[in-house]
Amino acid sequence: MAWNRTQIAEVAAREIRPGDYVNLGIGIPTLVVDHVPPGHRASFHSENGLLGMGPFPLVGDEDPDVINAGKQTVTIAPGGSVFDSATSFALVRGGRIAISFLGAMQVSAEGDLANWAVPGAAVKGMGGAMDLVAGARRVIALTEHTTRDGSPKIVDRCTLPLTGRKVVDRIITSLGVFDVEPDGLVLVELAPGTQLDDLRRKTAADFQVRLTAAKG
């Protein structure tokens, strides 16, 4: 068994504290906003210029002018605001973002992140991930544990172009939750039904095991 994309987002939502400004990157991170409890009092940020992002709209209620960084239609929560990209990145570079949830192609044992380019593939732009990993106070990678062909995404060293070095604090995958500590990776939670031996086979980096009780 493994967590699906929705369940990864549910696990990630536990990380949010009341009053946090939280950036949601493209992919699985966009699902996090749907899994915070009512009255959480966190504000969700999209790098294209939105603070106070709400859940995805119902079918028929979409506004094509209200989108996230991945060009998906979203909603604006009461009290939310829109602004230009310069203001948006001033929030990021000024250290105002408590958590940035980002997708990942690879994460290394030292917390290096690769999530913006695959050699030989067309890239329309690097986006804002490089600013986010430098400016957010905490960076959490959300990803499937392996690629479609079964290759590990958690590796000893990244082979894809880096977004940032030693920037990831926590990795939440379809199989478990890892903390990036000075001495390396530490597994702190296993997805229900996941066997430790199977996890080790699907992880191309060594890790310690320090399982803690899941929250919520």
N, C-alpha and C. Protein backbone atom coordinates (compact mmCIF):
# COMPACT_ATOMS: atom_id res chain seq x y z
N MET A 1 0.84 -1.20 0.00
CA MET A 1 0.00 0.00 0.00
C MET A 1 0.87 1.25 0.00
N ALA A 2 0.29 2.36 -0.40
CA ALA A 2 1.00 3.63 -0.42
C ALA A 2 -0.02 4.74 -0.34
N TRP A 3 0.42 5.91 0.11
CA TRP A 3 -0.45 7.07 0.06
C TRP A 3 -0.62 7.51 -1.38
N ASN A 4 -1.82 7.87 -1.77
CA ASN A 4 -2.01 8.48 -3.09
C ASN A 4 -1.73 9.98 -2.98
N ARG A 5 -1.89 10.70 -4.08
CA ARG A 5 -1.56 12.13 -4.09
C ARG A 5 -2.40 12.91 -3.07
N THR A 6 -3.66 12.56 -2.97
CA THR A 6 -4.53 13.24 -2.01
C THR A 6 -4.08 12.99 -0.58
N GLN A 7 -3.69 11.75 -0.30
CA GLN A 7 -3.24 11.42 1.06
C GLN A 7 -1.90 12.05 1.39
N ILE A 8 -1.02 12.19 0.40
CA ILE A 8 0.23 12.92 0.62
C ILE A 8 -0.09 14.35 1.04
N ALA A 9 -1.05 14.97 0.36
CA ALA A 9 -1.44 16.34 0.70
C ALA A 9 -2.05 16.41 2.10
N GLU A 10 -2.81 15.39 2.50
CA GLU A 10 -3.38 15.35 3.84
C GLU A 10 -2.29 15.29 4.90
N VAL A 11 -1.27 14.47 4.66
CA VAL A 11 -0.15 14.38 5.59
C VAL A 11 0.57 15.73 5.66
N ALA A 12 0.76 16.35 4.51
CA ALA A 12 1.45 17.64 4.47
C ALA A 12 0.70 18.71 5.24
N ALA A 13 -0.63 18.68 5.19
CA ALA A 13 -1.43 19.71 5.85
C ALA A 13 -1.21 19.74 7.35
N ARG A 14 -0.75 18.62 7.94
CA ARG A 14 -0.45 18.60 9.37
C ARG A 14 0.68 19.56 9.76
N GLU A 15 1.51 19.91 8.78
CA GLU A 15 2.69 20.73 9.06
C GLU A 15 2.34 22.20 9.30
N ILE A 16 1.12 22.59 8.94
CA ILE A 16 0.76 24.00 8.93
C ILE A 16 0.27 24.45 10.30
N ARG A 17 0.77 25.59 10.74
CA ARG A 17 0.35 26.17 12.02
C ARG A 17 -0.52 27.39 11.78
N PRO A 18 -1.39 27.71 12.74
CA PRO A 18 -2.23 28.90 12.58
C PRO A 18 -1.39 30.15 12.33
N GLY A 19 -1.82 30.94 11.36
CA GLY A 19 -1.12 32.18 11.05
C GLY A 19 0.01 32.06 10.06
N ASP A 20 0.36 30.82 9.65
CA ASP A 20 1.44 30.64 8.68
C ASP A 20 1.07 31.21 7.32
N TYR A 21 2.05 31.77 6.63
CA TYR A 21 1.96 32.04 5.20
C TYR A 21 2.59 30.84 4.51
N VAL A 22 1.82 30.17 3.67
CA VAL A 22 2.24 28.89 3.10
C VAL A 22 2.22 28.97 1.58
N ASN A 23 3.38 28.71 0.96
CA ASN A 23 3.45 28.67 -0.50
C ASN A 23 3.14 27.27 -1.00
N LEU A 24 2.34 27.20 -2.07
CA LEU A 24 2.00 25.92 -2.67
C LEU A 24 2.54 25.88 -4.09
N GLY A 25 3.49 24.98 -4.33
CA GLY A 25 4.06 24.83 -5.66
C GLY A 25 3.15 24.02 -6.56
N ILE A 26 3.62 23.76 -7.76
CA ILE A 26 2.84 23.05 -8.77
C ILE A 26 2.80 21.55 -8.45
N GLY A 27 1.70 20.90 -8.78
CA GLY A 27 1.57 19.46 -8.59
C GLY A 27 0.87 19.11 -7.29
N ILE A 28 1.37 18.11 -6.59
CA ILE A 28 0.75 17.66 -5.34
C ILE A 28 0.55 18.81 -4.35
N PRO A 29 1.50 19.75 -4.22
CA PRO A 29 1.30 20.84 -3.25
C PRO A 29 -0.01 21.61 -3.42
N THR A 30 -0.52 21.72 -4.65
CA THR A 30 -1.75 22.48 -4.85
C THR A 30 -2.94 21.84 -4.13
N LEU A 31 -2.84 20.56 -3.78
CA LEU A 31 -3.93 19.85 -3.13
C LEU A 31 -4.00 20.12 -1.62
N VAL A 32 -2.92 20.68 -1.06
CA VAL A 32 -2.84 20.84 0.39
C VAL A 32 -3.95 21.73 0.92
N VAL A 33 -4.29 22.78 0.18
CA VAL A 33 -5.28 23.74 0.66
C VAL A 33 -6.63 23.09 0.93
N ASP A 34 -6.92 21.98 0.27
CA ASP A 34 -8.20 21.29 0.46
C ASP A 34 -8.23 20.44 1.73
N HIS A 35 -7.12 20.37 2.46
CA HIS A 35 -7.05 19.43 3.59
C HIS A 35 -6.69 20.08 4.91
N VAL A 36 -6.84 21.40 4.99
CA VAL A 36 -6.65 22.07 6.27
C VAL A 36 -8.01 22.18 6.96
N PRO A 37 -8.05 22.08 8.27
CA PRO A 37 -9.34 22.13 8.97
C PRO A 37 -9.94 23.52 8.93
N PRO A 38 -11.25 23.63 9.06
CA PRO A 38 -11.88 24.96 9.09
C PRO A 38 -11.31 25.81 10.22
N GLY A 39 -11.12 27.08 9.95
CA GLY A 39 -10.59 27.99 10.96
C GLY A 39 -9.10 27.87 11.19
N HIS A 40 -8.39 27.29 10.24
CA HIS A 40 -6.94 27.08 10.42
C HIS A 40 -6.15 28.38 10.49
N ARG A 41 -6.68 29.45 9.89
CA ARG A 41 -6.08 30.79 9.92
C ARG A 41 -4.70 30.87 9.27
N ALA A 42 -4.40 29.95 8.38
CA ALA A 42 -3.18 30.07 7.56
C ALA A 42 -3.56 30.74 6.24
N SER A 43 -2.59 31.40 5.61
CA SER A 43 -2.83 32.05 4.33
C SER A 43 -1.97 31.37 3.27
N PHE A 44 -2.62 30.97 2.17
CA PHE A 44 -1.91 30.23 1.13
C PHE A 44 -1.48 31.18 0.01
N HIS A 45 -0.23 31.03 -0.38
CA HIS A 45 0.43 31.93 -1.33
C HIS A 45 0.72 31.19 -2.63
N SER A 46 0.44 31.86 -3.75
CA SER A 46 0.85 31.37 -5.06
C SER A 46 1.78 32.40 -5.67
N GLU A 47 2.90 31.94 -6.21
CA GLU A 47 3.96 32.86 -6.61
C GLU A 47 3.58 33.82 -7.73
N ASN A 48 2.49 33.51 -8.46
CA ASN A 48 2.08 34.41 -9.53
C ASN A 48 1.35 35.65 -9.01
N GLY A 49 1.18 35.76 -7.67
CA GLY A 49 0.64 36.98 -7.12
C GLY A 49 -0.68 36.85 -6.40
N LEU A 50 -0.80 35.85 -5.54
CA LEU A 50 -2.05 35.62 -4.81
C LEU A 50 -1.71 35.20 -3.38
N LEU A 51 -2.30 35.88 -2.41
CA LEU A 51 -2.19 35.51 -1.01
C LEU A 51 -3.60 35.38 -0.47
N GLY A 52 -3.91 34.23 0.09
CA GLY A 52 -5.28 33.95 0.50
C GLY A 52 -5.97 33.05 -0.50
N MET A 53 -5.20 32.13 -1.07
CA MET A 53 -5.76 31.18 -2.03
C MET A 53 -6.68 30.20 -1.31
N GLY A 54 -7.86 29.97 -1.91
CA GLY A 54 -8.81 29.04 -1.32
C GLY A 54 -8.80 27.71 -2.06
N PRO A 55 -9.77 26.85 -1.74
CA PRO A 55 -9.86 25.54 -2.41
C PRO A 55 -10.15 25.68 -3.90
N PHE A 56 -10.01 24.58 -4.62
CA PHE A 56 -10.38 24.58 -6.03
C PHE A 56 -11.88 24.86 -6.16
N PRO A 57 -12.29 25.57 -7.20
CA PRO A 57 -13.71 25.90 -7.36
C PRO A 57 -14.53 24.68 -7.79
N LEU A 58 -15.82 24.75 -7.52
CA LEU A 58 -16.73 23.73 -8.02
C LEU A 58 -16.88 23.88 -9.53
N VAL A 59 -17.24 22.79 -10.19
CA VAL A 59 -17.46 22.84 -11.64
C VAL A 59 -18.56 23.86 -11.95
N GLY A 60 -18.27 24.76 -12.85
CA GLY A 60 -19.20 25.81 -13.20
C GLY A 60 -18.94 27.13 -12.50
N ASP A 61 -18.14 27.09 -11.42
CA ASP A 61 -17.83 28.31 -10.67
C ASP A 61 -16.44 28.84 -10.98
N GLU A 62 -15.76 28.27 -11.97
CA GLU A 62 -14.39 28.68 -12.27
C GLU A 62 -14.34 30.11 -12.80
N ASP A 63 -13.31 30.85 -12.37
CA ASP A 63 -13.04 32.18 -12.91
C ASP A 63 -11.68 32.10 -13.59
N PRO A 64 -11.62 32.22 -14.92
CA PRO A 64 -10.34 32.05 -15.63
C PRO A 64 -9.29 33.09 -15.27
N ASP A 65 -9.69 34.16 -14.59
CA ASP A 65 -8.74 35.18 -14.18
C ASP A 65 -8.13 34.89 -12.81
N VAL A 66 -8.61 33.86 -12.13
CA VAL A 66 -8.09 33.51 -10.81
C VAL A 66 -7.41 32.15 -10.91
N ILE A 67 -6.10 32.16 -11.01
CA ILE A 67 -5.34 30.93 -11.24
C ILE A 67 -4.15 30.86 -10.30
N ASN A 68 -3.63 29.64 -10.14
CA ASN A 68 -2.41 29.46 -9.37
C ASN A 68 -1.20 29.43 -10.30
N ALA A 69 -0.04 29.13 -9.75
CA ALA A 69 1.19 29.15 -10.55
C ALA A 69 1.19 28.10 -11.65
N GLY A 70 0.37 27.06 -11.49
CA GLY A 70 0.27 26.02 -12.51
C GLY A 70 -0.85 26.26 -13.50
N LYS A 71 -1.43 27.47 -13.46
CA LYS A 71 -2.51 27.89 -14.36
C LYS A 71 -3.80 27.10 -14.13
N GLN A 72 -3.97 26.55 -12.94
CA GLN A 72 -5.23 25.93 -12.56
C GLN A 72 -6.15 26.99 -11.95
N THR A 73 -7.42 26.91 -12.23
CA THR A 73 -8.34 27.86 -11.61
C THR A 73 -8.48 27.54 -10.12
N VAL A 74 -8.46 28.60 -9.31
CA VAL A 74 -8.57 28.46 -7.86
C VAL A 74 -9.59 29.47 -7.35
N THR A 75 -9.77 29.54 -6.06
CA THR A 75 -10.64 30.54 -5.45
C THR A 75 -9.80 31.45 -4.55
N ILE A 76 -10.39 32.56 -4.17
CA ILE A 76 -9.76 33.48 -3.23
C ILE A 76 -10.56 33.45 -1.94
N ALA A 77 -9.90 33.15 -0.84
CA ALA A 77 -10.58 33.09 0.45
C ALA A 77 -10.92 34.51 0.92
N PRO A 78 -11.92 34.66 1.79
CA PRO A 78 -12.23 35.99 2.33
C PRO A 78 -10.98 36.65 2.92
N GLY A 79 -10.74 37.89 2.54
CA GLY A 79 -9.55 38.60 3.00
C GLY A 79 -8.34 38.41 2.12
N GLY A 80 -8.44 37.57 1.09
CA GLY A 80 -7.31 37.34 0.19
C GLY A 80 -7.03 38.55 -0.69
N SER A 81 -5.86 38.55 -1.30
CA SER A 81 -5.47 39.69 -2.14
C SER A 81 -4.65 39.21 -3.32
N VAL A 82 -4.66 40.03 -4.37
CA VAL A 82 -3.85 39.76 -5.55
C VAL A 82 -2.92 40.94 -5.78
N PHE A 83 -1.75 40.66 -6.37
CA PHE A 83 -0.74 41.70 -6.55
C PHE A 83 0.22 41.26 -7.63
N ASP A 84 1.17 42.11 -7.97
CA ASP A 84 2.09 41.80 -9.06
C ASP A 84 3.18 40.83 -8.59
N SER A 85 3.93 40.32 -9.57
CA SER A 85 4.97 39.34 -9.26
C SER A 85 6.08 39.93 -8.40
N ALA A 86 6.37 41.22 -8.58
CA ALA A 86 7.42 41.84 -7.77
C ALA A 86 7.05 41.79 -6.28
N THR A 87 5.80 42.11 -5.97
CA THR A 87 5.35 42.06 -4.58
C THR A 87 5.33 40.63 -4.08
N SER A 88 4.90 39.70 -4.94
CA SER A 88 4.85 38.30 -4.56
C SER A 88 6.22 37.79 -4.16
N PHE A 89 7.23 38.12 -4.96
CA PHE A 89 8.57 37.62 -4.65
C PHE A 89 9.25 38.43 -3.56
N ALA A 90 8.76 39.63 -3.29
CA ALA A 90 9.25 40.36 -2.12
C ALA A 90 8.85 39.63 -0.84
N LEU A 91 7.64 39.04 -0.83
CA LEU A 91 7.23 38.22 0.31
C LEU A 91 8.17 37.04 0.49
N VAL A 92 8.50 36.39 -0.62
CA VAL A 92 9.37 35.21 -0.57
C VAL A 92 10.77 35.60 -0.13
N ARG A 93 11.35 36.57 -0.80
CA ARG A 93 12.74 36.95 -0.52
C ARG A 93 12.90 37.63 0.82
N GLY A 94 11.79 38.17 1.35
CA GLY A 94 11.84 38.82 2.65
C GLY A 94 11.65 37.88 3.81
N GLY A 95 11.57 36.57 3.54
CA GLY A 95 11.46 35.59 4.60
C GLY A 95 10.09 35.50 5.25
N ARG A 96 9.04 35.95 4.53
CA ARG A 96 7.69 35.96 5.10
C ARG A 96 7.00 34.60 4.97
N ILE A 97 7.49 33.73 4.11
CA ILE A 97 6.84 32.44 3.87
C ILE A 97 7.34 31.42 4.89
N ALA A 98 6.41 30.91 5.70
CA ALA A 98 6.80 29.95 6.74
C ALA A 98 7.15 28.59 6.15
N ILE A 99 6.34 28.13 5.20
CA ILE A 99 6.55 26.81 4.58
C ILE A 99 6.35 26.95 3.08
N SER A 100 7.22 26.34 2.33
CA SER A 100 7.00 26.17 0.90
C SER A 100 6.91 24.68 0.61
N PHE A 101 5.74 24.26 0.11
CA PHE A 101 5.56 22.88 -0.33
C PHE A 101 5.87 22.83 -1.83
N LEU A 102 6.84 22.01 -2.20
CA LEU A 102 7.27 21.93 -3.59
C LEU A 102 7.28 20.48 -4.07
N GLY A 103 7.00 20.30 -5.35
CA GLY A 103 7.17 19.00 -5.96
C GLY A 103 8.65 18.69 -6.14
N ALA A 104 8.96 17.44 -6.47
CA ALA A 104 10.36 17.05 -6.61
C ALA A 104 10.53 15.98 -7.66
N MET A 105 11.57 16.12 -8.47
CA MET A 105 12.00 15.05 -9.36
C MET A 105 13.04 14.18 -8.66
N GLN A 106 13.90 14.84 -7.87
CA GLN A 106 14.88 14.15 -7.04
C GLN A 106 15.14 14.98 -5.78
N VAL A 107 15.40 14.27 -4.68
CA VAL A 107 15.90 14.90 -3.45
C VAL A 107 17.05 14.06 -2.96
N SER A 108 18.15 14.72 -2.61
CA SER A 108 19.32 13.98 -2.15
C SER A 108 19.31 13.79 -0.65
N ALA A 109 20.22 12.93 -0.18
CA ALA A 109 20.34 12.66 1.24
C ALA A 109 20.73 13.90 2.03
N GLU A 110 21.31 14.90 1.37
CA GLU A 110 21.70 16.15 2.04
C GLU A 110 20.64 17.24 1.88
N GLY A 111 19.52 16.91 1.24
CA GLY A 111 18.48 17.91 1.08
C GLY A 111 18.60 18.74 -0.17
N ASP A 112 19.45 18.33 -1.12
CA ASP A 112 19.49 19.00 -2.42
C ASP A 112 18.18 18.70 -3.15
N LEU A 113 17.66 19.69 -3.87
CA LEU A 113 16.40 19.53 -4.58
C LEU A 113 16.59 19.75 -6.07
N ALA A 114 16.03 18.84 -6.87
CA ALA A 114 15.97 19.00 -8.33
C ALA A 114 14.50 18.91 -8.72
N ASN A 115 13.95 20.02 -9.21
CA ASN A 115 12.52 19.97 -9.53
C ASN A 115 12.12 20.89 -10.70
N TRP A 116 13.12 21.33 -11.49
CA TRP A 116 12.71 22.29 -12.51
C TRP A 116 13.06 21.89 -13.93
N ALA A 117 13.94 20.94 -14.14
CA ALA A 117 14.33 20.62 -15.51
C ALA A 117 14.82 19.18 -15.63
N VAL A 118 14.54 18.59 -16.78
CA VAL A 118 15.07 17.29 -17.16
C VAL A 118 15.92 17.50 -18.40
N PRO A 119 17.20 17.11 -18.39
CA PRO A 119 18.05 17.32 -19.57
C PRO A 119 17.42 16.78 -20.84
N GLY A 120 17.41 17.59 -21.88
CA GLY A 120 16.87 17.18 -23.17
C GLY A 120 15.41 17.49 -23.35
N ALA A 121 14.72 17.85 -22.27
CA ALA A 121 13.30 18.19 -22.37
C ALA A 121 13.14 19.71 -22.46
N ALA A 122 12.12 20.13 -23.21
CA ALA A 122 11.86 21.56 -23.35
C ALA A 122 11.40 22.14 -22.01
N VAL A 123 11.96 23.27 -21.63
CA VAL A 123 11.61 23.94 -20.39
C VAL A 123 11.09 25.34 -20.73
N LYS A 124 9.87 25.63 -20.31
CA LYS A 124 9.29 26.94 -20.62
C LYS A 124 9.78 28.03 -19.68
N GLY A 125 10.40 27.64 -18.60
CA GLY A 125 10.93 28.61 -17.63
C GLY A 125 11.15 27.93 -16.31
N MET A 126 12.07 28.44 -15.53
CA MET A 126 12.41 27.79 -14.26
C MET A 126 11.41 28.12 -13.17
N GLY A 127 10.52 29.10 -13.41
CA GLY A 127 9.56 29.44 -12.37
C GLY A 127 10.23 30.07 -11.17
N GLY A 128 9.57 29.97 -10.01
CA GLY A 128 10.07 30.66 -8.82
C GLY A 128 10.67 29.75 -7.78
N ALA A 129 10.87 28.47 -8.10
CA ALA A 129 11.32 27.52 -7.08
C ALA A 129 12.68 27.89 -6.49
N MET A 130 13.56 28.46 -7.31
CA MET A 130 14.89 28.80 -6.78
C MET A 130 14.82 29.90 -5.73
N ASP A 131 13.88 30.85 -5.93
CA ASP A 131 13.66 31.86 -4.91
C ASP A 131 13.00 31.26 -3.67
N LEU A 132 12.06 30.37 -3.89
CA LEU A 132 11.32 29.79 -2.77
C LEU A 132 12.22 28.97 -1.86
N VAL A 133 13.13 28.17 -2.43
CA VAL A 133 13.99 27.35 -1.57
C VAL A 133 15.00 28.20 -0.81
N ALA A 134 15.28 29.40 -1.32
CA ALA A 134 16.21 30.30 -0.64
C ALA A 134 15.51 31.18 0.38
N GLY A 135 14.22 31.50 0.13
CA GLY A 135 13.54 32.47 0.98
C GLY A 135 12.60 31.90 2.01
N ALA A 136 12.01 30.73 1.76
CA ALA A 136 11.06 30.15 2.72
C ALA A 136 11.80 29.65 3.95
N ARG A 137 11.16 29.76 5.10
CA ARG A 137 11.82 29.33 6.33
C ARG A 137 11.88 27.81 6.45
N ARG A 138 10.98 27.12 5.78
CA ARG A 138 10.95 25.66 5.81
C ARG A 138 10.51 25.17 4.44
N VAL A 139 11.24 24.21 3.89
CA VAL A 139 10.92 23.66 2.56
C VAL A 139 10.58 22.18 2.71
N ILE A 140 9.40 21.80 2.22
CA ILE A 140 8.95 20.42 2.32
C ILE A 140 8.64 19.92 0.91
N ALA A 141 9.29 18.84 0.52
CA ALA A 141 9.09 18.25 -0.80
C ALA A 141 7.98 17.21 -0.73
N LEU A 142 7.04 17.30 -1.67
CA LEU A 142 5.93 16.35 -1.76
C LEU A 142 6.04 15.64 -3.10
N THR A 143 6.10 14.31 -3.07
CA THR A 143 6.36 13.58 -4.32
C THR A 143 5.98 12.12 -4.20
N GLU A 144 5.72 11.50 -5.33
CA GLU A 144 5.68 10.04 -5.38
C GLU A 144 7.07 9.53 -4.98
N HIS A 145 7.15 8.31 -4.45
CA HIS A 145 8.44 7.82 -3.98
C HIS A 145 9.36 7.43 -5.14
N THR A 146 8.76 6.99 -6.24
CA THR A 146 9.54 6.59 -7.41
C THR A 146 8.94 7.22 -8.66
N THR A 147 9.71 7.20 -9.74
CA THR A 147 9.21 7.66 -11.03
C THR A 147 8.30 6.60 -11.63
N ARG A 148 7.72 6.89 -12.79
CA ARG A 148 6.82 5.93 -13.44
C ARG A 148 7.53 4.64 -13.81
N ASP A 149 8.85 4.73 -14.07
CA ASP A 149 9.58 3.51 -14.42
C ASP A 149 10.19 2.82 -13.20
N GLY A 150 9.85 3.32 -12.01
CA GLY A 150 10.31 2.68 -10.77
C GLY A 150 11.63 3.19 -10.24
N SER A 151 12.22 4.21 -10.85
CA SER A 151 13.49 4.75 -10.36
C SER A 151 13.26 5.57 -9.09
N PRO A 152 14.15 5.43 -8.10
CA PRO A 152 13.98 6.17 -6.85
C PRO A 152 14.08 7.68 -7.07
N LYS A 153 13.28 8.42 -6.34
CA LYS A 153 13.38 9.88 -6.36
C LYS A 153 14.23 10.40 -5.20
N ILE A 154 14.35 9.59 -4.14
CA ILE A 154 15.26 9.94 -3.05
C ILE A 154 16.58 9.24 -3.33
N VAL A 155 17.61 10.04 -3.52
CA VAL A 155 18.90 9.52 -4.00
C VAL A 155 20.04 10.02 -3.12
N ASP A 156 21.18 9.37 -3.27
CA ASP A 156 22.36 9.82 -2.53
C ASP A 156 22.83 11.19 -3.06
N ARG A 157 22.90 11.31 -4.39
CA ARG A 157 23.25 12.58 -5.04
C ARG A 157 22.32 12.79 -6.23
N CYS A 158 21.85 14.00 -6.40
CA CYS A 158 20.97 14.31 -7.53
C CYS A 158 21.76 14.28 -8.84
N THR A 159 21.15 13.74 -9.87
CA THR A 159 21.77 13.74 -11.21
C THR A 159 21.08 14.74 -12.13
N LEU A 160 19.95 15.28 -11.72
CA LEU A 160 19.25 16.29 -12.50
C LEU A 160 19.70 17.69 -12.08
N PRO A 161 19.46 18.70 -12.92
CA PRO A 161 19.87 20.07 -12.57
C PRO A 161 19.23 20.50 -11.24
N LEU A 162 20.04 21.09 -10.38
CA LEU A 162 19.58 21.44 -9.04
C LEU A 162 18.78 22.73 -9.01
N THR A 163 17.77 22.71 -8.15
CA THR A 163 17.04 23.93 -7.80
C THR A 163 17.74 24.63 -6.65
N GLY A 164 18.28 23.86 -5.73
CA GLY A 164 19.01 24.41 -4.59
C GLY A 164 19.75 23.32 -3.85
N ARG A 165 20.82 23.70 -3.17
CA ARG A 165 21.63 22.76 -2.39
C ARG A 165 21.27 22.84 -0.91
N LYS A 166 21.04 21.68 -0.30
CA LYS A 166 20.78 21.58 1.13
C LYS A 166 19.64 22.49 1.56
N VAL A 167 18.53 22.43 0.83
CA VAL A 167 17.41 23.33 1.09
C VAL A 167 16.17 22.62 1.64
N VAL A 168 16.06 21.32 1.45
CA VAL A 168 14.85 20.58 1.86
C VAL A 168 14.97 20.18 3.33
N ASP A 169 13.90 20.45 4.09
CA ASP A 169 13.86 20.10 5.51
C ASP A 169 13.14 18.77 5.74
N ARG A 170 12.12 18.51 4.95
CA ARG A 170 11.33 17.29 5.12
C ARG A 170 10.88 16.80 3.75
N ILE A 171 10.78 15.48 3.59
CA ILE A 171 10.29 14.87 2.35
C ILE A 171 9.08 14.01 2.71
N ILE A 172 7.97 14.26 2.05
CA ILE A 172 6.77 13.44 2.23
C ILE A 172 6.50 12.75 0.90
N THR A 173 6.62 11.44 0.88
CA THR A 173 6.42 10.68 -0.35
C THR A 173 5.20 9.77 -0.20
N SER A 174 4.94 9.01 -1.22
CA SER A 174 3.83 8.07 -1.19
C SER A 174 4.08 6.91 -0.22
N LEU A 175 5.32 6.76 0.25
CA LEU A 175 5.65 5.64 1.13
C LEU A 175 6.04 6.04 2.55
N GLY A 176 6.36 7.30 2.77
CA GLY A 176 6.77 7.69 4.11
C GLY A 176 7.19 9.13 4.21
N VAL A 177 7.60 9.50 5.43
CA VAL A 177 8.03 10.86 5.73
C VAL A 177 9.47 10.80 6.24
N PHE A 178 10.33 11.63 5.64
CA PHE A 178 11.74 11.67 6.01
C PHE A 178 12.10 13.09 6.45
N ASP A 179 12.90 13.19 7.50
CA ASP A 179 13.52 14.46 7.86
C ASP A 179 14.94 14.48 7.34
N VAL A 180 15.37 15.64 6.87
CA VAL A 180 16.76 15.82 6.44
C VAL A 180 17.52 16.45 7.60
N GLU A 181 18.39 15.67 8.21
CA GLU A 181 19.15 16.13 9.37
C GLU A 181 20.62 16.24 9.01
N PRO A 182 21.43 16.89 9.86
CA PRO A 182 22.86 17.05 9.54
C PRO A 182 23.58 15.73 9.27
N ASP A 183 23.13 14.65 9.92
CA ASP A 183 23.78 13.35 9.73
C ASP A 183 23.14 12.52 8.63
N GLY A 184 22.14 13.08 7.93
CA GLY A 184 21.51 12.35 6.84
C GLY A 184 20.00 12.25 7.01
N LEU A 185 19.41 11.34 6.26
CA LEU A 185 17.96 11.18 6.26
C LEU A 185 17.49 10.33 7.45
N VAL A 186 16.34 10.72 7.98
CA VAL A 186 15.73 9.97 9.08
C VAL A 186 14.28 9.70 8.71
N LEU A 187 13.90 8.43 8.65
CA LEU A 187 12.51 8.06 8.41
C LEU A 187 11.73 8.23 9.70
N VAL A 188 10.67 9.08 9.66
CA VAL A 188 9.90 9.34 10.87
C VAL A 188 8.48 8.79 10.79
N GLU A 189 8.02 8.41 9.59
CA GLU A 189 6.69 7.84 9.46
C GLU A 189 6.61 6.97 8.21
N LEU A 190 5.97 5.83 8.34
CA LEU A 190 5.73 4.93 7.21
C LEU A 190 4.27 5.01 6.80
N ALA A 191 4.02 5.01 5.50
CA ALA A 191 2.64 4.92 5.02
C ALA A 191 2.05 3.58 5.46
N PRO A 192 0.78 3.55 5.82
CA PRO A 192 0.16 2.29 6.28
C PRO A 192 0.35 1.17 5.27
N GLY A 193 0.76 0.02 5.77
CA GLY A 193 0.94 -1.15 4.91
C GLY A 193 2.28 -1.22 4.23
N THR A 194 3.11 -0.19 4.35
CA THR A 194 4.43 -0.18 3.71
C THR A 194 5.42 -0.95 4.57
N GLN A 195 6.17 -1.84 3.94
CA GLN A 195 7.19 -2.61 4.64
C GLN A 195 8.53 -1.90 4.55
N LEU A 196 9.26 -1.90 5.67
CA LEU A 196 10.53 -1.18 5.71
C LEU A 196 11.51 -1.71 4.68
N ASP A 197 11.57 -3.03 4.50
CA ASP A 197 12.49 -3.61 3.52
C ASP A 197 12.15 -3.15 2.10
N ASP A 198 10.86 -3.05 1.80
CA ASP A 198 10.45 -2.57 0.48
C ASP A 198 10.82 -1.11 0.30
N LEU A 199 10.65 -0.32 1.35
CA LEU A 199 11.02 1.09 1.28
C LEU A 199 12.52 1.25 1.01
N ARG A 200 13.32 0.44 1.67
CA ARG A 200 14.78 0.53 1.46
C ARG A 200 15.13 0.18 0.01
N ARG A 201 14.45 -0.80 -0.57
CA ARG A 201 14.73 -1.17 -1.96
C ARG A 201 14.38 -0.04 -2.93
N LYS A 202 13.42 0.77 -2.56
CA LYS A 202 12.95 1.83 -3.45
C LYS A 202 13.57 3.19 -3.14
N THR A 203 14.57 3.19 -2.25
CA THR A 203 15.23 4.43 -1.85
C THR A 203 16.71 4.30 -2.14
N ALA A 204 17.26 5.21 -2.94
CA ALA A 204 18.67 5.12 -3.34
C ALA A 204 19.57 5.96 -2.45
N ALA A 205 19.25 6.00 -1.18
CA ALA A 205 20.07 6.70 -0.18
C ALA A 205 19.87 6.00 1.15
N ASP A 206 20.90 5.99 1.97
CA ASP A 206 20.78 5.41 3.31
C ASP A 206 19.93 6.31 4.19
N PHE A 207 19.25 5.70 5.16
CA PHE A 207 18.50 6.50 6.12
C PHE A 207 18.42 5.77 7.44
N GLN A 208 18.31 6.56 8.50
CA GLN A 208 18.06 6.02 9.83
C GLN A 208 16.54 5.90 10.01
N VAL A 209 16.14 5.13 11.00
CA VAL A 209 14.73 4.93 11.29
C VAL A 209 14.45 5.42 12.71
N ARG A 210 13.52 6.36 12.80
CA ARG A 210 13.11 6.89 14.10
C ARG A 210 11.62 7.18 14.01
N LEU A 211 10.83 6.11 13.94
CA LEU A 211 9.40 6.26 13.70
C LEU A 211 8.71 6.88 14.90
N THR A 212 7.83 7.83 14.61
CA THR A 212 7.04 8.50 15.64
C THR A 212 5.57 8.29 15.33
N ALA A 213 4.74 8.48 16.29
CA ALA A 213 3.30 8.31 16.11
C ALA A 213 2.79 9.37 15.15
N ALA A 214 1.94 8.97 14.21
CA ALA A 214 1.36 9.93 13.25
C ALA A 214 0.41 10.86 13.98
N LYS A 215 0.37 12.11 13.53
CA LYS A 215 -0.55 13.10 14.11
C LYS A 215 -1.86 13.07 13.36
N GLY A 216 -2.94 13.19 14.08
CA GLY A 216 -4.24 13.36 13.47
C GLY A 216 -4.70 12.14 12.70
